[in-house]
N, C-alpha and C. Protein backbone atom coordinates (compact mmCIF):
# COMPACT_ATOMS: atom_id res chain seq x y z
N MET A 1 -6.57 8.65 -21.35
CA MET A 1 -6.56 10.11 -21.42
C MET A 1 -5.34 10.64 -20.70
N ALA A 2 -4.61 11.53 -21.34
CA ALA A 2 -3.40 12.08 -20.73
C ALA A 2 -3.78 13.06 -19.64
N HIS A 3 -2.98 13.12 -18.59
CA HIS A 3 -3.20 14.04 -17.49
C HIS A 3 -2.18 15.15 -17.58
N ASN A 4 -2.56 16.34 -17.20
CA ASN A 4 -1.69 17.50 -17.35
C ASN A 4 -0.80 17.67 -16.13
N TYR A 5 0.43 17.19 -16.23
CA TYR A 5 1.42 17.39 -15.18
C TYR A 5 2.48 18.39 -15.65
N ALA A 6 2.21 19.11 -16.74
CA ALA A 6 3.25 19.87 -17.42
C ALA A 6 3.88 20.93 -16.53
N ASN A 7 3.11 21.44 -15.59
CA ASN A 7 3.65 22.52 -14.75
C ASN A 7 4.36 22.01 -13.50
N LYS A 8 4.40 20.69 -13.34
CA LYS A 8 4.96 20.15 -12.11
C LYS A 8 6.47 20.24 -12.05
N ARG A 9 7.15 19.96 -13.16
CA ARG A 9 8.60 19.96 -13.17
C ARG A 9 9.08 20.09 -14.61
N PRO A 10 10.11 20.87 -14.89
CA PRO A 10 10.56 21.04 -16.27
C PRO A 10 11.05 19.74 -16.86
N ARG A 11 10.90 19.62 -18.21
CA ARG A 11 11.36 18.44 -18.91
C ARG A 11 12.87 18.39 -18.99
N GLY A 12 13.36 17.20 -19.36
CA GLY A 12 14.77 17.07 -19.68
C GLY A 12 15.68 16.78 -18.51
N ARG A 13 15.12 16.41 -17.38
CA ARG A 13 15.98 16.11 -16.24
C ARG A 13 16.85 14.91 -16.57
N PRO A 14 18.15 14.97 -16.33
CA PRO A 14 19.02 13.86 -16.67
C PRO A 14 18.75 12.63 -15.82
N ARG A 15 19.17 11.49 -16.34
CA ARG A 15 18.90 10.21 -15.71
C ARG A 15 19.37 10.16 -14.28
N GLN A 16 20.56 10.69 -13.98
CA GLN A 16 21.15 10.53 -12.67
C GLN A 16 20.55 11.49 -11.64
N TYR A 17 19.64 12.36 -12.06
CA TYR A 17 19.09 13.36 -11.14
C TYR A 17 17.97 12.77 -10.30
N GLU A 18 18.19 12.61 -9.02
CA GLU A 18 17.19 12.15 -8.07
C GLU A 18 16.37 10.96 -8.57
N PRO A 19 16.99 9.83 -8.81
CA PRO A 19 16.24 8.67 -9.32
C PRO A 19 15.13 8.23 -8.38
N ALA A 20 15.37 8.32 -7.07
CA ALA A 20 14.32 7.91 -6.13
C ALA A 20 13.11 8.82 -6.23
N ARG A 21 13.36 10.13 -6.42
CA ARG A 21 12.26 11.08 -6.57
C ARG A 21 11.52 10.85 -7.89
N ALA A 22 12.26 10.54 -8.95
CA ALA A 22 11.63 10.26 -10.24
C ALA A 22 10.72 9.04 -10.13
N LEU A 23 11.17 8.03 -9.42
CA LEU A 23 10.36 6.83 -9.23
C LEU A 23 9.10 7.16 -8.44
N GLN A 24 9.23 8.00 -7.44
CA GLN A 24 8.08 8.42 -6.65
C GLN A 24 7.09 9.21 -7.50
N ASP A 25 7.61 10.10 -8.34
CA ASP A 25 6.73 10.90 -9.20
C ASP A 25 6.01 10.02 -10.22
N ALA A 26 6.71 9.02 -10.76
CA ALA A 26 6.07 8.09 -11.69
C ALA A 26 4.99 7.29 -10.97
N ARG A 27 5.28 6.86 -9.75
CA ARG A 27 4.27 6.14 -8.95
C ARG A 27 3.02 7.00 -8.77
N ASP A 28 3.21 8.27 -8.45
CA ASP A 28 2.05 9.14 -8.23
C ASP A 28 1.22 9.29 -9.50
N ALA A 29 1.87 9.34 -10.65
CA ALA A 29 1.13 9.43 -11.92
C ALA A 29 0.32 8.16 -12.14
N PHE A 30 0.92 7.00 -11.92
CA PHE A 30 0.20 5.73 -12.05
C PHE A 30 -0.92 5.65 -11.01
N TRP A 31 -0.65 6.13 -9.81
CA TRP A 31 -1.62 6.04 -8.72
C TRP A 31 -2.90 6.80 -9.06
N ASP A 32 -2.74 7.98 -9.65
CA ASP A 32 -3.90 8.79 -10.01
C ASP A 32 -4.60 8.26 -11.25
N GLY A 33 -3.84 7.82 -12.25
CA GLY A 33 -4.44 7.47 -13.52
C GLY A 33 -4.58 5.99 -13.81
N GLY A 34 -3.93 5.14 -13.02
CA GLY A 34 -3.93 3.72 -13.32
C GLY A 34 -2.87 3.39 -14.35
N PHE A 35 -2.50 2.12 -14.42
CA PHE A 35 -1.42 1.71 -15.33
C PHE A 35 -1.79 1.95 -16.78
N ALA A 36 -2.94 1.45 -17.21
CA ALA A 36 -3.31 1.49 -18.62
C ALA A 36 -3.52 2.92 -19.11
N SER A 37 -4.10 3.78 -18.28
CA SER A 37 -4.45 5.13 -18.72
C SER A 37 -3.32 6.14 -18.58
N THR A 38 -2.25 5.76 -17.94
CA THR A 38 -1.12 6.68 -17.77
C THR A 38 -0.19 6.53 -18.96
N SER A 39 -0.05 7.59 -19.72
CA SER A 39 0.76 7.54 -20.94
C SER A 39 2.22 7.88 -20.64
N LEU A 40 3.06 7.64 -21.64
CA LEU A 40 4.46 8.03 -21.51
C LEU A 40 4.60 9.54 -21.39
N ASP A 41 3.71 10.28 -22.04
CA ASP A 41 3.73 11.73 -21.89
C ASP A 41 3.40 12.14 -20.46
N ASP A 42 2.44 11.45 -19.84
CA ASP A 42 2.12 11.70 -18.44
C ASP A 42 3.34 11.47 -17.55
N LEU A 43 4.01 10.34 -17.78
CA LEU A 43 5.17 9.98 -16.97
C LEU A 43 6.32 10.96 -17.21
N SER A 44 6.49 11.37 -18.44
CA SER A 44 7.54 12.33 -18.75
C SER A 44 7.29 13.65 -18.04
N ALA A 45 6.03 14.11 -18.10
CA ALA A 45 5.68 15.37 -17.44
C ALA A 45 5.79 15.25 -15.92
N ALA A 46 5.36 14.12 -15.37
CA ALA A 46 5.39 13.93 -13.92
C ALA A 46 6.80 13.89 -13.36
N THR A 47 7.71 13.25 -14.09
CA THR A 47 9.09 13.08 -13.61
C THR A 47 10.03 14.18 -14.07
N GLY A 48 9.63 14.94 -15.10
CA GLY A 48 10.53 15.93 -15.67
C GLY A 48 11.59 15.32 -16.56
N MET A 49 11.42 14.05 -16.94
CA MET A 49 12.39 13.35 -17.78
C MET A 49 11.78 13.12 -19.16
N ASN A 50 12.56 13.37 -20.20
CA ASN A 50 12.04 13.08 -21.53
C ASN A 50 12.01 11.57 -21.76
N ARG A 51 11.39 11.14 -22.85
CA ARG A 51 11.21 9.70 -23.09
C ARG A 51 12.52 8.93 -23.15
N PRO A 52 13.54 9.42 -23.87
CA PRO A 52 14.81 8.69 -23.89
C PRO A 52 15.41 8.52 -22.50
N SER A 53 15.29 9.56 -21.67
CA SER A 53 15.83 9.47 -20.31
C SER A 53 15.04 8.47 -19.48
N LEU A 54 13.72 8.44 -19.65
CA LEU A 54 12.90 7.47 -18.94
C LEU A 54 13.28 6.04 -19.32
N TYR A 55 13.41 5.80 -20.63
CA TYR A 55 13.79 4.47 -21.09
C TYR A 55 15.16 4.07 -20.55
N ALA A 56 16.10 5.01 -20.58
CA ALA A 56 17.45 4.71 -20.13
C ALA A 56 17.49 4.41 -18.64
N ALA A 57 16.68 5.13 -17.88
CA ALA A 57 16.71 4.97 -16.43
C ALA A 57 15.90 3.79 -15.94
N PHE A 58 14.74 3.55 -16.55
CA PHE A 58 13.79 2.58 -15.99
C PHE A 58 13.31 1.51 -16.97
N GLY A 59 13.60 1.65 -18.24
CA GLY A 59 13.07 0.71 -19.21
C GLY A 59 11.70 1.15 -19.70
N HIS A 60 10.93 0.23 -20.29
CA HIS A 60 9.62 0.58 -20.83
C HIS A 60 8.63 0.85 -19.70
N LYS A 61 7.44 1.26 -20.08
CA LYS A 61 6.43 1.68 -19.10
C LYS A 61 6.11 0.58 -18.10
N ARG A 62 5.95 -0.65 -18.57
CA ARG A 62 5.61 -1.75 -17.66
C ARG A 62 6.73 -2.00 -16.67
N ALA A 63 7.98 -1.94 -17.14
CA ALA A 63 9.12 -2.14 -16.24
C ALA A 63 9.16 -1.04 -15.17
N LEU A 64 8.87 0.18 -15.58
CA LEU A 64 8.82 1.29 -14.63
C LEU A 64 7.72 1.07 -13.61
N TYR A 65 6.55 0.63 -14.08
CA TYR A 65 5.44 0.38 -13.16
C TYR A 65 5.80 -0.70 -12.14
N LEU A 66 6.42 -1.78 -12.60
CA LEU A 66 6.82 -2.86 -11.69
C LEU A 66 7.83 -2.36 -10.66
N LYS A 67 8.70 -1.46 -11.06
CA LYS A 67 9.66 -0.88 -10.11
C LYS A 67 8.93 -0.06 -9.05
N THR A 68 7.89 0.67 -9.46
CA THR A 68 7.14 1.45 -8.47
C THR A 68 6.39 0.53 -7.50
N LEU A 69 5.90 -0.59 -8.01
CA LEU A 69 5.24 -1.56 -7.11
C LEU A 69 6.22 -2.11 -6.09
N ASP A 70 7.42 -2.47 -6.54
CA ASP A 70 8.44 -3.01 -5.65
C ASP A 70 8.78 -2.01 -4.56
N ARG A 71 8.93 -0.74 -4.95
CA ARG A 71 9.29 0.29 -3.98
C ARG A 71 8.15 0.51 -2.99
N TYR A 72 6.93 0.52 -3.47
CA TYR A 72 5.78 0.70 -2.58
C TYR A 72 5.69 -0.44 -1.59
N ARG A 73 5.91 -1.66 -2.05
CA ARG A 73 5.88 -2.81 -1.15
C ARG A 73 6.99 -2.72 -0.12
N GLU A 74 8.16 -2.28 -0.52
CA GLU A 74 9.28 -2.14 0.42
C GLU A 74 8.94 -1.14 1.52
N LEU A 75 8.41 0.01 1.13
CA LEU A 75 8.04 1.02 2.12
C LEU A 75 6.91 0.52 3.01
N GLY A 76 5.97 -0.22 2.42
CA GLY A 76 4.86 -0.76 3.19
C GLY A 76 5.31 -1.78 4.22
N ARG A 77 6.25 -2.65 3.83
CA ARG A 77 6.78 -3.63 4.78
C ARG A 77 7.43 -2.93 5.98
N ASP A 78 8.22 -1.91 5.70
CA ASP A 78 8.91 -1.19 6.78
C ASP A 78 7.90 -0.54 7.72
N ALA A 79 6.88 0.08 7.14
CA ALA A 79 5.86 0.76 7.96
C ALA A 79 5.09 -0.24 8.81
N MET A 80 4.73 -1.39 8.24
CA MET A 80 3.96 -2.37 8.99
C MET A 80 4.80 -3.02 10.10
N ARG A 81 6.08 -3.24 9.84
CA ARG A 81 6.95 -3.79 10.88
C ARG A 81 7.03 -2.84 12.07
N ARG A 82 7.13 -1.55 11.78
CA ARG A 82 7.17 -0.58 12.89
C ARG A 82 5.85 -0.56 13.64
N ALA A 83 4.75 -0.58 12.91
CA ALA A 83 3.44 -0.51 13.55
C ALA A 83 3.15 -1.74 14.40
N LEU A 84 3.61 -2.90 13.94
CA LEU A 84 3.28 -4.16 14.61
C LEU A 84 4.34 -4.57 15.64
N ALA A 85 5.11 -3.63 16.10
CA ALA A 85 6.15 -3.92 17.09
C ALA A 85 5.57 -4.64 18.30
N THR A 86 6.37 -5.50 18.90
CA THR A 86 5.88 -6.34 20.00
C THR A 86 5.98 -5.66 21.36
N ASN A 87 6.46 -4.42 21.40
CA ASN A 87 6.60 -3.76 22.70
C ASN A 87 5.31 -3.06 23.14
N VAL A 88 4.24 -3.23 22.37
CA VAL A 88 2.93 -2.69 22.74
C VAL A 88 1.91 -3.81 22.63
N PRO A 89 0.77 -3.70 23.33
CA PRO A 89 -0.27 -4.73 23.22
C PRO A 89 -0.76 -4.87 21.78
N LEU A 90 -1.31 -6.04 21.47
CA LEU A 90 -1.78 -6.32 20.13
C LEU A 90 -2.77 -5.27 19.65
N ALA A 91 -3.74 -4.90 20.46
CA ALA A 91 -4.75 -3.94 20.04
C ALA A 91 -4.11 -2.62 19.63
N GLU A 92 -3.14 -2.16 20.41
CA GLU A 92 -2.45 -0.91 20.08
C GLU A 92 -1.65 -1.06 18.79
N ALA A 93 -1.01 -2.20 18.60
CA ALA A 93 -0.26 -2.44 17.38
C ALA A 93 -1.18 -2.39 16.16
N LEU A 94 -2.35 -3.00 16.26
CA LEU A 94 -3.29 -2.99 15.15
C LEU A 94 -3.82 -1.59 14.88
N ARG A 95 -4.08 -0.84 15.96
CA ARG A 95 -4.54 0.54 15.77
C ARG A 95 -3.47 1.36 15.05
N ARG A 96 -2.21 1.16 15.43
CA ARG A 96 -1.12 1.86 14.75
C ARG A 96 -1.05 1.47 13.29
N MET A 97 -1.23 0.19 13.01
CA MET A 97 -1.16 -0.30 11.64
C MET A 97 -2.23 0.37 10.77
N TYR A 98 -3.46 0.37 11.27
CA TYR A 98 -4.54 0.97 10.49
C TYR A 98 -4.37 2.48 10.36
N ALA A 99 -3.90 3.13 11.41
CA ALA A 99 -3.68 4.58 11.33
C ALA A 99 -2.60 4.91 10.30
N SER A 100 -1.54 4.11 10.29
CA SER A 100 -0.47 4.32 9.32
C SER A 100 -0.98 4.13 7.89
N ALA A 101 -1.80 3.09 7.70
CA ALA A 101 -2.35 2.83 6.37
C ALA A 101 -3.30 3.94 5.94
N LEU A 102 -4.16 4.38 6.83
CA LEU A 102 -5.14 5.39 6.47
C LEU A 102 -4.48 6.73 6.15
N ALA A 103 -3.36 7.01 6.78
CA ALA A 103 -2.65 8.24 6.45
C ALA A 103 -2.23 8.25 4.98
N ILE A 104 -1.93 7.07 4.46
CA ILE A 104 -1.58 6.94 3.04
C ILE A 104 -2.84 6.93 2.18
N TYR A 105 -3.81 6.13 2.57
CA TYR A 105 -5.02 5.95 1.75
C TYR A 105 -5.79 7.26 1.55
N LEU A 106 -5.76 8.13 2.55
CA LEU A 106 -6.53 9.38 2.48
C LEU A 106 -5.74 10.52 1.86
N SER A 107 -4.51 10.26 1.42
CA SER A 107 -3.68 11.30 0.84
C SER A 107 -3.90 11.39 -0.67
N GLY A 108 -3.38 12.45 -1.26
CA GLY A 108 -3.48 12.63 -2.70
C GLY A 108 -3.90 14.04 -3.06
N ASP A 109 -3.25 14.62 -4.05
CA ASP A 109 -3.57 15.98 -4.47
C ASP A 109 -4.97 16.09 -5.05
N ARG A 110 -5.47 15.00 -5.62
CA ARG A 110 -6.78 15.03 -6.28
C ARG A 110 -7.86 14.35 -5.45
N GLY A 111 -7.54 13.98 -4.25
CA GLY A 111 -8.48 13.27 -3.40
C GLY A 111 -7.87 11.98 -2.89
N ALA A 112 -8.57 11.33 -1.99
CA ALA A 112 -8.06 10.09 -1.39
C ALA A 112 -7.80 9.04 -2.47
N ARG A 113 -6.61 8.42 -2.42
CA ARG A 113 -6.20 7.50 -3.48
C ARG A 113 -6.25 6.04 -3.08
N GLY A 114 -6.44 5.75 -1.80
CA GLY A 114 -6.45 4.36 -1.37
C GLY A 114 -5.05 3.76 -1.41
N CYS A 115 -4.99 2.46 -1.58
CA CYS A 115 -3.72 1.73 -1.61
C CYS A 115 -3.21 1.63 -3.05
N TYR A 116 -1.96 1.95 -3.26
CA TYR A 116 -1.38 1.90 -4.61
C TYR A 116 -1.44 0.49 -5.18
N LEU A 117 -1.09 -0.48 -4.37
CA LEU A 117 -1.06 -1.87 -4.83
C LEU A 117 -2.47 -2.34 -5.21
N VAL A 118 -3.41 -2.18 -4.29
CA VAL A 118 -4.78 -2.64 -4.53
C VAL A 118 -5.44 -1.83 -5.64
N GLY A 119 -5.22 -0.52 -5.64
CA GLY A 119 -5.91 0.35 -6.57
C GLY A 119 -5.45 0.26 -8.01
N THR A 120 -4.21 -0.16 -8.23
CA THR A 120 -3.69 -0.20 -9.59
C THR A 120 -3.38 -1.62 -10.06
N ALA A 121 -2.77 -2.44 -9.21
CA ALA A 121 -2.34 -3.77 -9.66
C ALA A 121 -3.51 -4.74 -9.81
N ALA A 122 -4.54 -4.58 -9.00
CA ALA A 122 -5.67 -5.52 -9.08
C ALA A 122 -6.32 -5.51 -10.46
N THR A 123 -6.37 -4.35 -11.11
CA THR A 123 -7.01 -4.26 -12.41
C THR A 123 -6.17 -4.88 -13.52
N GLU A 124 -4.87 -5.02 -13.29
CA GLU A 124 -3.98 -5.58 -14.31
C GLU A 124 -3.66 -7.06 -14.06
N ALA A 125 -4.02 -7.56 -12.89
CA ALA A 125 -3.55 -8.88 -12.45
C ALA A 125 -4.10 -10.03 -13.29
N VAL A 126 -5.28 -9.88 -13.86
CA VAL A 126 -5.88 -10.98 -14.61
C VAL A 126 -5.07 -11.30 -15.86
N ASN A 127 -4.59 -10.28 -16.54
CA ASN A 127 -3.93 -10.47 -17.84
C ASN A 127 -2.42 -10.40 -17.81
N ASP A 128 -1.84 -10.08 -16.66
CA ASP A 128 -0.38 -9.93 -16.58
C ASP A 128 0.12 -10.73 -15.38
N ARG A 129 0.81 -11.83 -15.67
CA ARG A 129 1.24 -12.72 -14.59
C ARG A 129 2.25 -12.06 -13.66
N GLU A 130 3.13 -11.24 -14.21
CA GLU A 130 4.16 -10.63 -13.36
C GLU A 130 3.54 -9.60 -12.42
N ILE A 131 2.59 -8.83 -12.92
CA ILE A 131 1.90 -7.88 -12.05
C ILE A 131 1.06 -8.63 -11.02
N ARG A 132 0.41 -9.71 -11.44
CA ARG A 132 -0.37 -10.52 -10.50
C ARG A 132 0.53 -11.09 -9.40
N SER A 133 1.73 -11.51 -9.78
CA SER A 133 2.66 -12.04 -8.79
C SER A 133 3.08 -10.96 -7.80
N ALA A 134 3.36 -9.77 -8.29
CA ALA A 134 3.74 -8.66 -7.41
C ALA A 134 2.58 -8.30 -6.48
N TYR A 135 1.38 -8.30 -7.04
CA TYR A 135 0.18 -7.99 -6.25
C TYR A 135 -0.03 -9.03 -5.16
N ALA A 136 0.04 -10.31 -5.52
CA ALA A 136 -0.14 -11.38 -4.54
C ALA A 136 0.95 -11.35 -3.48
N SER A 137 2.17 -11.09 -3.90
CA SER A 137 3.28 -11.05 -2.94
C SER A 137 3.08 -9.94 -1.91
N GLY A 138 2.58 -8.80 -2.37
CA GLY A 138 2.31 -7.70 -1.44
C GLY A 138 1.28 -8.08 -0.40
N LEU A 139 0.20 -8.72 -0.84
CA LEU A 139 -0.83 -9.17 0.11
C LEU A 139 -0.29 -10.22 1.07
N HIS A 140 0.46 -11.18 0.54
CA HIS A 140 0.96 -12.27 1.38
C HIS A 140 2.02 -11.79 2.37
N GLU A 141 2.78 -10.77 1.98
CA GLU A 141 3.76 -10.21 2.92
C GLU A 141 3.06 -9.65 4.15
N LEU A 142 1.95 -8.94 3.94
CA LEU A 142 1.20 -8.41 5.07
C LEU A 142 0.56 -9.54 5.86
N ASP A 143 0.03 -10.54 5.16
CA ASP A 143 -0.51 -11.71 5.85
C ASP A 143 0.52 -12.31 6.81
N ASP A 144 1.74 -12.47 6.31
CA ASP A 144 2.80 -13.12 7.11
C ASP A 144 3.19 -12.28 8.31
N LEU A 145 3.31 -10.96 8.10
CA LEU A 145 3.66 -10.07 9.22
C LEU A 145 2.57 -10.12 10.30
N LEU A 146 1.33 -10.10 9.86
CA LEU A 146 0.22 -10.14 10.82
C LEU A 146 0.13 -11.50 11.51
N GLU A 147 0.33 -12.57 10.76
CA GLU A 147 0.27 -13.90 11.37
C GLU A 147 1.34 -14.06 12.44
N ASN A 148 2.54 -13.59 12.16
CA ASN A 148 3.61 -13.66 13.17
C ASN A 148 3.23 -12.88 14.42
N ARG A 149 2.62 -11.71 14.21
CA ARG A 149 2.22 -10.88 15.36
C ARG A 149 1.11 -11.57 16.14
N MET A 150 0.18 -12.21 15.46
CA MET A 150 -0.90 -12.93 16.15
C MET A 150 -0.34 -14.11 16.94
N ARG A 151 0.62 -14.81 16.38
CA ARG A 151 1.22 -15.94 17.09
C ARG A 151 1.93 -15.47 18.36
N GLN A 152 2.60 -14.33 18.27
CA GLN A 152 3.24 -13.78 19.45
C GLN A 152 2.21 -13.39 20.50
N ALA A 153 1.06 -12.88 20.03
CA ALA A 153 0.00 -12.50 20.96
C ALA A 153 -0.56 -13.73 21.67
N VAL A 154 -0.68 -14.85 20.98
CA VAL A 154 -1.14 -16.09 21.61
C VAL A 154 -0.13 -16.52 22.67
N LYS A 155 1.14 -16.50 22.35
CA LYS A 155 2.18 -16.92 23.29
C LYS A 155 2.20 -16.03 24.53
N ARG A 156 1.91 -14.76 24.35
CA ARG A 156 1.95 -13.81 25.47
C ARG A 156 0.64 -13.77 26.24
N GLY A 157 -0.34 -14.56 25.81
CA GLY A 157 -1.61 -14.59 26.51
C GLY A 157 -2.55 -13.47 26.14
N GLU A 158 -2.25 -12.72 25.08
CA GLU A 158 -3.15 -11.65 24.64
C GLU A 158 -4.34 -12.21 23.86
N LEU A 159 -4.15 -13.33 23.24
CA LEU A 159 -5.22 -14.03 22.53
C LEU A 159 -5.37 -15.42 23.11
N SER A 160 -6.55 -15.97 22.99
CA SER A 160 -6.81 -17.32 23.47
C SER A 160 -5.91 -18.33 22.77
N ARG A 161 -5.57 -19.40 23.48
CA ARG A 161 -4.78 -20.47 22.87
C ARG A 161 -5.54 -21.13 21.72
N ASN A 162 -6.85 -20.97 21.71
CA ASN A 162 -7.66 -21.54 20.64
C ASN A 162 -7.78 -20.61 19.42
N ALA A 163 -7.18 -19.44 19.49
CA ALA A 163 -7.25 -18.49 18.38
C ALA A 163 -6.52 -19.05 17.16
N ASP A 164 -6.95 -18.68 16.00
CA ASP A 164 -6.34 -19.12 14.74
C ASP A 164 -5.54 -17.94 14.17
N PRO A 165 -4.23 -17.87 14.42
CA PRO A 165 -3.44 -16.72 13.98
C PRO A 165 -3.50 -16.49 12.48
N ARG A 166 -3.51 -17.57 11.71
CA ARG A 166 -3.54 -17.42 10.25
C ARG A 166 -4.85 -16.77 9.79
N ALA A 167 -5.97 -17.25 10.31
CA ALA A 167 -7.26 -16.70 9.93
C ALA A 167 -7.41 -15.25 10.40
N LEU A 168 -6.98 -14.99 11.64
CA LEU A 168 -7.07 -13.63 12.16
C LEU A 168 -6.22 -12.66 11.34
N ALA A 169 -5.06 -13.12 10.91
CA ALA A 169 -4.19 -12.28 10.10
C ALA A 169 -4.87 -11.90 8.79
N ARG A 170 -5.53 -12.87 8.18
CA ARG A 170 -6.18 -12.60 6.91
C ARG A 170 -7.42 -11.73 7.07
N VAL A 171 -8.08 -11.86 8.20
CA VAL A 171 -9.19 -10.95 8.48
C VAL A 171 -8.68 -9.52 8.63
N ALA A 172 -7.59 -9.36 9.38
CA ALA A 172 -7.00 -8.03 9.58
C ALA A 172 -6.55 -7.44 8.24
N CYS A 173 -5.98 -8.27 7.38
CA CYS A 173 -5.54 -7.81 6.06
C CYS A 173 -6.75 -7.45 5.18
N ALA A 174 -7.81 -8.24 5.26
CA ALA A 174 -9.01 -7.96 4.48
C ALA A 174 -9.62 -6.62 4.89
N VAL A 175 -9.61 -6.33 6.18
CA VAL A 175 -10.09 -5.03 6.64
C VAL A 175 -9.24 -3.91 6.04
N MET A 176 -7.93 -4.11 6.02
CA MET A 176 -7.03 -3.13 5.44
C MET A 176 -7.40 -2.86 3.98
N ASN A 177 -7.62 -3.92 3.22
CA ASN A 177 -7.97 -3.76 1.81
C ASN A 177 -9.32 -3.05 1.65
N GLY A 178 -10.25 -3.39 2.53
CA GLY A 178 -11.55 -2.73 2.48
C GLY A 178 -11.44 -1.24 2.78
N LEU A 179 -10.61 -0.88 3.73
CA LEU A 179 -10.38 0.54 4.03
C LEU A 179 -9.81 1.27 2.83
N ALA A 180 -8.89 0.60 2.12
CA ALA A 180 -8.28 1.22 0.94
C ALA A 180 -9.33 1.51 -0.13
N LEU A 181 -10.21 0.53 -0.37
CA LEU A 181 -11.24 0.71 -1.40
C LEU A 181 -12.25 1.78 -0.99
N ARG A 182 -12.62 1.79 0.27
CA ARG A 182 -13.58 2.78 0.75
C ARG A 182 -12.99 4.19 0.74
N ALA A 183 -11.69 4.30 1.03
CA ALA A 183 -11.05 5.61 0.97
C ALA A 183 -11.11 6.15 -0.45
N ARG A 184 -10.81 5.29 -1.42
CA ARG A 184 -10.84 5.71 -2.82
C ARG A 184 -12.27 6.03 -3.27
N ALA A 185 -13.24 5.39 -2.66
CA ALA A 185 -14.65 5.65 -3.00
C ALA A 185 -15.17 6.93 -2.36
N GLY A 186 -14.39 7.51 -1.44
CA GLY A 186 -14.78 8.79 -0.86
C GLY A 186 -15.29 8.75 0.56
N ASP A 187 -15.22 7.58 1.23
CA ASP A 187 -15.63 7.54 2.64
C ASP A 187 -14.75 8.48 3.45
N SER A 188 -15.33 9.09 4.46
CA SER A 188 -14.60 10.07 5.27
C SER A 188 -13.57 9.40 6.16
N GLY A 189 -12.59 10.17 6.58
CA GLY A 189 -11.57 9.67 7.49
C GLY A 189 -12.17 9.22 8.81
N SER A 190 -13.16 9.95 9.30
CA SER A 190 -13.77 9.57 10.58
C SER A 190 -14.49 8.23 10.46
N GLU A 191 -15.17 8.01 9.34
CA GLU A 191 -15.86 6.73 9.15
C GLU A 191 -14.87 5.59 9.01
N LEU A 192 -13.80 5.80 8.29
CA LEU A 192 -12.80 4.75 8.12
C LEU A 192 -12.10 4.44 9.43
N ASN A 193 -11.84 5.45 10.24
CA ASN A 193 -11.23 5.21 11.54
C ASN A 193 -12.19 4.45 12.45
N ARG A 194 -13.47 4.73 12.33
CA ARG A 194 -14.46 4.00 13.14
C ARG A 194 -14.47 2.53 12.74
N ILE A 195 -14.44 2.25 11.44
CA ILE A 195 -14.41 0.87 10.97
C ILE A 195 -13.16 0.16 11.48
N ALA A 196 -12.02 0.83 11.40
CA ALA A 196 -10.77 0.23 11.88
C ALA A 196 -10.85 -0.07 13.36
N GLY A 197 -11.45 0.84 14.13
CA GLY A 197 -11.56 0.62 15.57
C GLY A 197 -12.42 -0.58 15.91
N VAL A 198 -13.54 -0.73 15.20
CA VAL A 198 -14.41 -1.89 15.42
C VAL A 198 -13.69 -3.17 15.04
N ALA A 199 -12.93 -3.12 13.95
CA ALA A 199 -12.18 -4.30 13.52
C ALA A 199 -11.18 -4.74 14.58
N VAL A 200 -10.50 -3.79 15.18
CA VAL A 200 -9.54 -4.11 16.24
C VAL A 200 -10.25 -4.78 17.41
N GLN A 201 -11.40 -4.25 17.78
CA GLN A 201 -12.16 -4.84 18.89
C GLN A 201 -12.57 -6.27 18.57
N LEU A 202 -13.03 -6.51 17.36
CA LEU A 202 -13.47 -7.85 16.98
C LEU A 202 -12.30 -8.84 16.93
N ILE A 203 -11.18 -8.40 16.38
CA ILE A 203 -10.02 -9.28 16.27
C ILE A 203 -9.47 -9.63 17.65
N CYS A 204 -9.51 -8.66 18.54
CA CYS A 204 -8.92 -8.85 19.88
C CYS A 204 -9.96 -9.23 20.92
N ARG A 205 -11.11 -9.64 20.51
CA ARG A 205 -12.22 -9.90 21.45
C ARG A 205 -11.81 -10.92 22.53
N GLY A 206 -11.01 -11.87 22.21
CA GLY A 206 -10.59 -12.84 23.21
C GLY A 206 -9.21 -12.53 23.77
N SER A 207 -8.89 -11.24 23.89
CA SER A 207 -7.52 -10.89 24.20
C SER A 207 -7.17 -10.82 25.68
N ALA A 208 -8.12 -11.13 26.54
CA ALA A 208 -7.77 -11.14 27.97
C ALA A 208 -6.73 -12.22 28.24
N PRO A 209 -5.81 -11.96 29.14
CA PRO A 209 -4.77 -12.95 29.43
C PRO A 209 -5.36 -14.31 29.77
N VAL A 210 -4.75 -15.34 29.22
CA VAL A 210 -5.21 -16.72 29.46
C VAL A 210 -4.71 -17.17 30.81
N LYS A 211 -5.59 -17.76 31.62
CA LYS A 211 -5.20 -18.20 32.96
C LYS A 211 -5.14 -19.72 33.01
């Protein structure tokens, strides 16, 4: 079903006009409607670019979608690196990470949208290997960032020497994905923040300095 973005921006915007903004607008259209249900007319209306301009700038619909996934992953990596900085205790870093994620998950003109990667790519991953690869890469990138942070926490005595950084990282990532799904399902911000807080406590339960 086509979505009415006609009043958002006039049609016919040339290819060279704000390509980063056009990519963001296309992402928002996919985010609200999903890959399969978002038509070329939706994308044209959302970006203000006619179909020939869209093709010239980004290629076909699937190529455009993959570009939006790449950009979302890039922004996500940067945000998570900042949140997981080593100049604060692990618990504070995790709280920052979840707060940063929830600020995104709870946003959206039509209601909370959750995570773009989880909310749109997961439904396409079974039948499209390239989308599945992008989806898996996004999850594994967060796994790796978290695992590195957990290993640093073990070295600094914030976690027990017996802690399993790899497993803890995947637990923290799983909580993130769960928050994204619950946000899209309509759970309140206060409830999601409470879940994130409990998750931090559980992950850091053995975080007293090792003697």
